[in-house]
Amino acid sequence: MKLAYIGLGNLGGHLAASLVRAGHQVAVHDRNPSLADRHVALGATRASSAAEAARGAEVVFTCLPSPAVSEAVLAEILPVMPDGAVWAEMSTLGRDDILRLAGLAEGAGIRVLECPVTGGVHLAGQGKITVLVGGDAALFQEVHPLLQAMGGKIFHMGPLGSAAVIKVITNMLAFIHLVADGEALMLAKRGGLDLDKAWQAIAASSGTSFVHETEGQLILNGSYDIAFTMDLALKDLGFAMEFGRDFGVPLDLAGMVNQTFVRGRAAYGGQAQSTQIVKLLEDALGTDLRAPGYPSRLE
């Protein structure tokens, strides 16, 4: 199949590389041309624009930082996509966003799947990231082999909009767990415990979480380098708060965590690592959370 992948950032770069390694013919594009270098080395074709990448492609994947960017890229690629081609949107969008943009694409004769991913950049690099899919069941089956090339567990959640809801829910939980893990590790440190032993004990306990077992290591290293920014965290938490209002669900914990991230962005900037949210507590107490032997990045 002739494929295109547009958006080669922390996640998209790994996902596109997985498609190329699986032997597919992939045209790649990012507004930062150097991000395509490794894909070209693997056998991809570099495109100078989103439109050039999408021209004649049977499936166009996008992984972009915001609904506004997704809309701009969609407007660029729709005129050159063949009738009946597929737009597979892997960005994290709100439900209203994906439904509105899908309407534009379908009106131009393009079929649409939403395919956001979850699990972290390191799992995308391993080809084991979880893919959450919304859209027509038959189209899901058609595109499933391509999704398998990029991910591990793949869930068809239902019609368009379903994946947007579950993706935001998973990210909301991750941010809540991250703030909680920072507080737990600080209790251990201030309580006089060895942080390495404390991390291991938590990881083996009923209190563990995916976030503790992954981002917790980056906290103990001090790099906080999860390749996900404060701005992106607040975007996703904003979607969660919107869903809470739309669905009539009070999100007390999510609301508190959202405000914590507002303070984190004010302190460290929107491009700071989201894991640095724990540094707010470290700075407030003048107590760092460090232990030897932990990685600076997850592999």
Protein backbone atom coordinates (compact mmCIF):
# COMPACT_ATOMS: atom_id res chain seq x y z
CA MET A 1 0.00 0.00 0.00
CA LYS A 2 1.07 3.57 -0.59
CA LEU A 3 0.98 5.36 2.76
CA ALA A 4 1.71 8.81 4.09
CA TYR A 5 2.67 9.83 7.61
CA ILE A 6 2.47 13.50 8.57
CA GLY A 7 3.81 14.64 11.94
CA LEU A 8 7.11 13.06 13.02
CA GLY A 9 7.37 14.28 16.59
CA ASN A 10 8.06 12.18 19.67
CA LEU A 11 5.21 9.77 18.98
CA GLY A 12 4.62 10.12 15.25
CA GLY A 13 8.29 9.63 14.44
CA HIS A 14 8.32 6.20 16.06
CA LEU A 15 4.97 5.19 14.57
CA ALA A 16 6.03 6.17 11.07
CA ALA A 17 9.31 4.31 11.47
CA SER A 18 7.41 1.16 12.43
CA LEU A 19 5.43 1.33 9.18
CA VAL A 20 8.61 1.75 7.14
CA ARG A 21 10.35 -1.14 8.93
CA ALA A 22 7.29 -3.32 8.19
CA GLY A 23 8.03 -2.87 4.49
CA HIS A 24 5.38 -0.33 3.53
CA GLN A 25 5.91 2.43 0.97
CA VAL A 26 5.64 5.55 3.15
CA ALA A 27 5.95 9.22 2.27
CA VAL A 28 6.78 11.23 5.39
CA HIS A 29 6.54 14.90 6.21
CA ASP A 30 7.09 17.20 9.17
CA ARG A 31 7.44 20.95 9.28
CA ASN A 32 10.90 20.23 10.69
CA PRO A 33 12.48 18.44 7.70
CA SER A 34 15.34 16.98 9.74
CA LEU A 35 12.88 14.78 11.64
CA ALA A 36 12.41 12.75 8.47
CA ASP A 37 16.11 11.89 8.15
CA ARG A 38 15.90 8.58 10.00
CA HIS A 39 12.82 7.52 8.03
CA VAL A 40 14.54 8.23 4.73
CA ALA A 41 17.49 6.17 5.94
CA LEU A 42 15.06 3.31 6.56
CA GLY A 43 13.58 3.62 3.07
CA ALA A 44 10.81 6.22 3.34
CA THR A 45 10.28 9.02 0.85
CA ARG A 46 10.71 12.58 2.11
CA ALA A 47 7.88 14.94 1.11
CA SER A 48 8.32 18.70 1.14
CA SER A 49 4.71 19.33 2.18
CA ALA A 50 1.73 17.53 3.68
CA ALA A 51 0.02 17.67 0.30
CA GLU A 52 2.98 16.09 -1.46
CA ALA A 53 3.03 13.27 1.11
CA ALA A 54 -0.71 12.62 0.79
CA ARG A 55 -0.94 12.77 -3.01
CA GLY A 56 -2.10 9.37 -4.23
CA ALA A 57 -1.81 7.74 -0.78
CA GLU A 58 -4.32 5.04 0.12
CA VAL A 59 -3.99 5.78 3.85
CA VAL A 60 -2.75 9.05 5.34
CA PHE A 61 -1.76 8.99 9.02
CA THR A 62 -1.45 12.21 10.99
CA CYS A 63 -0.02 12.72 14.49
CA LEU A 64 -0.18 16.41 15.33
CA PRO A 65 -0.05 18.64 18.43
CA SER A 66 -3.49 20.30 18.42
CA PRO A 67 -6.92 20.30 16.79
CA ALA A 68 -6.04 23.53 14.99
CA VAL A 69 -2.98 21.95 13.38
CA SER A 70 -4.99 18.84 12.46
CA GLU A 71 -7.59 21.02 10.76
CA ALA A 72 -4.95 22.96 8.84
CA VAL A 73 -3.23 19.79 7.65
CA LEU A 74 -6.55 18.19 6.69
CA ALA A 75 -7.41 21.21 4.56
CA GLU A 76 -4.09 20.80 2.77
CA ILE A 77 -4.34 17.07 2.08
CA LEU A 78 -8.02 16.62 1.18
CA PRO A 79 -7.72 18.08 -2.35
CA VAL A 80 -4.98 15.60 -3.32
CA MET A 81 -6.24 12.40 -1.67
CA PRO A 82 -7.86 9.80 -3.96
CA ASP A 83 -11.58 9.22 -3.59
CA GLY A 84 -12.16 6.49 -1.00
CA ALA A 85 -8.75 6.89 0.65
CA VAL A 86 -8.46 6.78 4.43
CA TRP A 87 -7.47 9.52 6.85
CA ALA A 88 -6.26 7.87 10.06
CA GLU A 89 -5.95 10.57 12.72
CA MET A 90 -3.59 9.52 15.53
CA SER A 91 -3.53 12.88 17.32
CA THR A 92 -5.33 13.42 20.63
CA LEU A 93 -8.45 15.43 19.80
CA GLY A 94 -11.68 16.22 21.59
CA ARG A 95 -14.75 14.26 20.50
CA ASP A 96 -16.35 17.31 18.92
CA ASP A 97 -13.12 18.02 17.02
CA ILE A 98 -12.82 14.59 15.44
CA LEU A 99 -16.53 14.47 14.55
CA ARG A 100 -16.36 17.90 12.91
CA LEU A 101 -13.17 17.16 10.99
CA ALA A 102 -14.42 13.72 9.96
CA GLY A 103 -17.49 15.41 8.51
CA LEU A 104 -15.26 17.58 6.34
CA ALA A 105 -13.24 14.60 5.18
CA GLU A 106 -16.23 12.37 4.49
CA GLY A 107 -17.85 15.20 2.54
CA ALA A 108 -14.80 15.07 0.26
CA GLY A 109 -15.09 11.30 -0.25
CA ILE A 110 -12.47 10.33 2.33
CA ARG A 111 -13.05 7.60 4.93
CA VAL A 112 -11.96 8.34 8.50
CA LEU A 113 -10.62 6.46 11.51
CA GLU A 114 -9.45 8.03 14.75
CA CYS A 115 -6.50 6.09 16.17
CA PRO A 116 -4.95 7.88 19.17
CA VAL A 117 -2.28 5.96 21.05
CA THR A 118 -1.45 5.57 24.73
CA GLY A 119 1.36 4.06 26.76
CA GLY A 120 4.25 6.44 26.26
CA VAL A 121 6.90 7.29 23.70
CA HIS A 122 9.14 4.40 24.77
CA LEU A 123 6.43 1.86 23.86
CA ALA A 124 5.90 3.60 20.51
CA GLY A 125 9.61 3.10 19.88
CA GLN A 126 9.24 -0.60 20.65
CA GLY A 127 6.17 -0.99 18.43
CA LYS A 128 4.15 -1.97 21.51
CA ILE A 129 2.05 1.11 22.13
CA THR A 130 -1.70 0.71 22.66
CA VAL A 131 -3.90 1.96 19.81
CA LEU A 132 -7.46 3.15 20.52
CA VAL A 133 -9.67 3.21 17.45
CA GLY A 134 -13.00 4.81 16.66
CA GLY A 135 -14.86 4.45 13.38
CA ASP A 136 -16.61 2.01 11.08
CA ALA A 137 -15.94 -1.62 12.07
CA ALA A 138 -15.30 -2.76 8.50
CA LEU A 139 -12.83 0.06 7.93
CA PHE A 140 -11.12 -0.84 11.20
CA GLN A 141 -10.61 -4.37 9.94
CA GLU A 142 -9.24 -3.05 6.65
CA VAL A 143 -6.64 -0.85 8.36
CA HIS A 144 -5.94 -3.26 11.25
CA PRO A 145 -2.75 -4.76 9.70
CA LEU A 146 -1.22 -1.28 9.50
CA LEU A 147 -2.13 -0.57 13.11
CA GLN A 148 -0.55 -3.87 14.11
CA ALA A 149 2.70 -2.74 12.52
CA MET A 150 2.76 0.23 14.90
CA GLY A 151 1.21 -1.05 18.11
CA GLY A 152 0.72 -3.89 20.52
CA LYS A 153 -2.78 -3.97 21.95
CA ILE A 154 -5.39 -2.49 19.61
CA PHE A 155 -8.94 -1.69 20.75
CA HIS A 156 -11.87 -0.82 18.52
CA MET A 157 -13.88 1.35 20.91
CA GLY A 158 -16.91 1.99 18.71
CA PRO A 159 -17.99 4.74 16.31
CA LEU A 160 -16.04 7.92 15.63
CA GLY A 161 -15.62 9.91 18.83
CA SER A 162 -15.33 6.83 21.05
CA ALA A 163 -11.54 6.72 20.91
CA ALA A 164 -11.29 10.43 21.73
CA VAL A 165 -13.22 9.85 24.95
CA ILE A 166 -11.21 6.85 26.16
CA LYS A 167 -7.87 8.44 25.21
CA VAL A 168 -8.65 11.51 27.30
CA ILE A 169 -9.77 9.27 30.17
CA THR A 170 -6.49 7.33 30.11
CA ASN A 171 -4.43 10.52 30.05
CA MET A 172 -6.50 12.05 32.85
CA LEU A 173 -5.74 9.00 35.00
CA ALA A 174 -2.04 9.18 34.12
CA PHE A 175 -1.74 12.79 35.27
CA ILE A 176 -3.62 12.06 38.50
CA HIS A 177 -1.32 9.09 39.12
CA LEU A 178 1.74 11.24 38.39
CA VAL A 179 0.86 13.86 41.00
CA ALA A 180 -0.04 11.13 43.49
CA ASP A 181 3.23 9.30 42.86
CA GLY A 182 5.21 12.45 43.56
CA GLU A 183 3.42 12.86 46.87
CA ALA A 184 3.98 9.19 47.74
CA LEU A 185 7.70 9.35 46.98
CA MET A 186 8.00 12.56 48.99
CA LEU A 187 6.34 10.89 51.98
CA ALA A 188 8.88 8.10 51.70
CA LYS A 189 11.82 10.52 51.48
CA ARG A 190 10.69 12.74 54.34
CA GLY A 191 9.86 9.63 56.34
CA GLY A 192 13.50 8.58 56.18
CA LEU A 193 13.11 5.68 53.75
CA ASP A 194 15.61 4.66 51.09
CA LEU A 195 13.96 5.86 47.86
CA ASP A 196 15.21 2.96 45.77
CA LYS A 197 13.72 0.46 48.19
CA ALA A 198 10.56 2.55 48.47
CA TRP A 199 10.12 2.63 44.67
CA GLN A 200 10.58 -1.13 44.48
CA ALA A 201 8.16 -1.78 47.33
CA ILE A 202 5.49 0.41 45.74
CA ALA A 203 6.03 -1.28 42.37
CA ALA A 204 5.39 -4.65 44.03
CA SER A 205 2.34 -3.45 45.97
CA SER A 206 -1.36 -2.83 45.45
CA GLY A 207 -0.50 0.86 45.20
CA THR A 208 1.56 0.58 42.04
CA SER A 209 0.62 2.07 38.68
CA PHE A 210 1.98 2.19 35.15
CA VAL A 211 3.03 5.79 35.85
CA HIS A 212 4.93 4.82 38.99
CA GLU A 213 6.76 2.05 37.15
CA THR A 214 7.71 4.28 34.21
CA GLU A 215 7.72 8.01 35.02
CA GLY A 216 8.60 7.28 38.63
CA GLN A 217 12.02 6.15 37.41
CA LEU A 218 12.57 9.45 35.59
CA ILE A 219 11.69 11.36 38.75
CA LEU A 220 14.27 9.40 40.73
CA ASN A 221 16.85 10.05 37.99
CA GLY A 222 16.04 13.77 37.93
CA SER A 223 15.75 14.04 34.15
CA TYR A 224 11.91 13.98 34.13
CA ASP A 225 12.35 13.31 30.39
CA ILE A 226 9.10 11.62 29.32
CA ALA A 227 8.96 13.50 25.96
CA PHE A 228 5.58 15.03 26.80
CA THR A 229 5.11 18.68 27.69
CA MET A 230 3.14 20.67 30.25
CA ASP A 231 1.22 22.29 27.39
CA LEU A 232 0.13 18.88 26.06
CA ALA A 233 -0.86 17.73 29.54
CA LEU A 234 -3.03 20.80 30.01
CA LYS A 235 -4.58 20.31 26.57
CA ASP A 236 -5.63 16.78 27.51
CA LEU A 237 -6.81 17.78 30.99
CA GLY A 238 -8.86 20.51 29.33
CA PHE A 239 -10.57 17.89 27.19
CA ALA A 240 -11.27 15.84 30.34
CA MET A 241 -12.85 18.79 32.10
CA GLU A 242 -15.00 19.44 29.02
CA PHE A 243 -16.19 15.83 29.05
CA GLY A 244 -17.02 16.16 32.73
CA ARG A 245 -19.26 19.12 31.98
CA ASP A 246 -20.76 17.48 28.88
CA PHE A 247 -21.51 14.18 30.62
CA GLY A 248 -22.52 15.62 33.98
CA VAL A 249 -19.68 13.97 35.91
CA PRO A 250 -17.96 15.93 38.72
CA LEU A 251 -14.20 15.47 38.24
CA ASP A 252 -12.88 16.63 41.59
CA LEU A 253 -9.49 14.93 41.36
CA ALA A 254 -8.98 15.87 37.74
CA GLY A 255 -9.90 19.47 38.54
CA MET A 256 -7.30 19.67 41.30
CA VAL A 257 -4.65 18.08 39.10
CA ASN A 258 -5.51 20.48 36.29
CA GLN A 259 -4.83 23.41 38.62
CA THR A 260 -1.57 21.79 39.72
CA PHE A 261 -0.47 21.65 36.09
CA VAL A 262 -1.45 25.29 35.62
CA ARG A 263 0.96 26.10 38.45
CA GLY A 264 3.58 23.80 36.91
CA ARG A 265 3.40 25.55 33.57
CA ALA A 266 3.67 28.94 35.28
CA ALA A 267 6.76 27.77 37.17
CA TYR A 268 8.64 25.89 34.45
CA GLY A 269 7.06 26.86 31.12
CA GLY A 270 4.74 25.11 28.71
CA GLN A 271 7.55 23.17 27.02
CA ALA A 272 8.81 21.71 30.29
CA GLN A 273 8.41 17.96 30.73
CA SER A 274 5.03 17.02 32.19
CA THR A 275 6.83 14.82 34.74
CA GLN A 276 8.36 18.00 36.17
CA ILE A 277 5.01 18.57 37.86
CA VAL A 278 6.55 16.62 40.76
CA LYS A 279 9.30 19.27 40.97
CA LEU A 280 6.70 21.71 42.32
CA LEU A 281 6.62 19.66 45.52
CA GLU A 282 10.39 19.16 45.55
CA ASP A 283 10.98 22.90 45.22
CA ALA A 284 8.33 23.81 47.79
CA LEU A 285 9.92 21.50 50.37
CA GLY A 286 13.55 21.96 49.33
CA THR A 287 13.79 18.18 49.07
CA ASP A 288 14.77 16.32 45.90
CA LEU A 289 13.65 12.82 45.03
CA ARG A 290 16.79 11.12 43.74
CA ALA A 291 18.08 7.58 43.83
CA PRO A 292 21.03 6.04 41.97
CA GLY A 293 20.67 3.61 39.10
CA TYR A 294 17.55 4.95 37.41
CA PRO A 295 17.48 5.85 33.68
CA SER A 296 17.31 9.34 32.25
CA ARG A 297 14.97 8.10 29.49
CA LEU A 298 12.82 5.03 29.05
CA GLU A 299 13.90 2.62 26.33
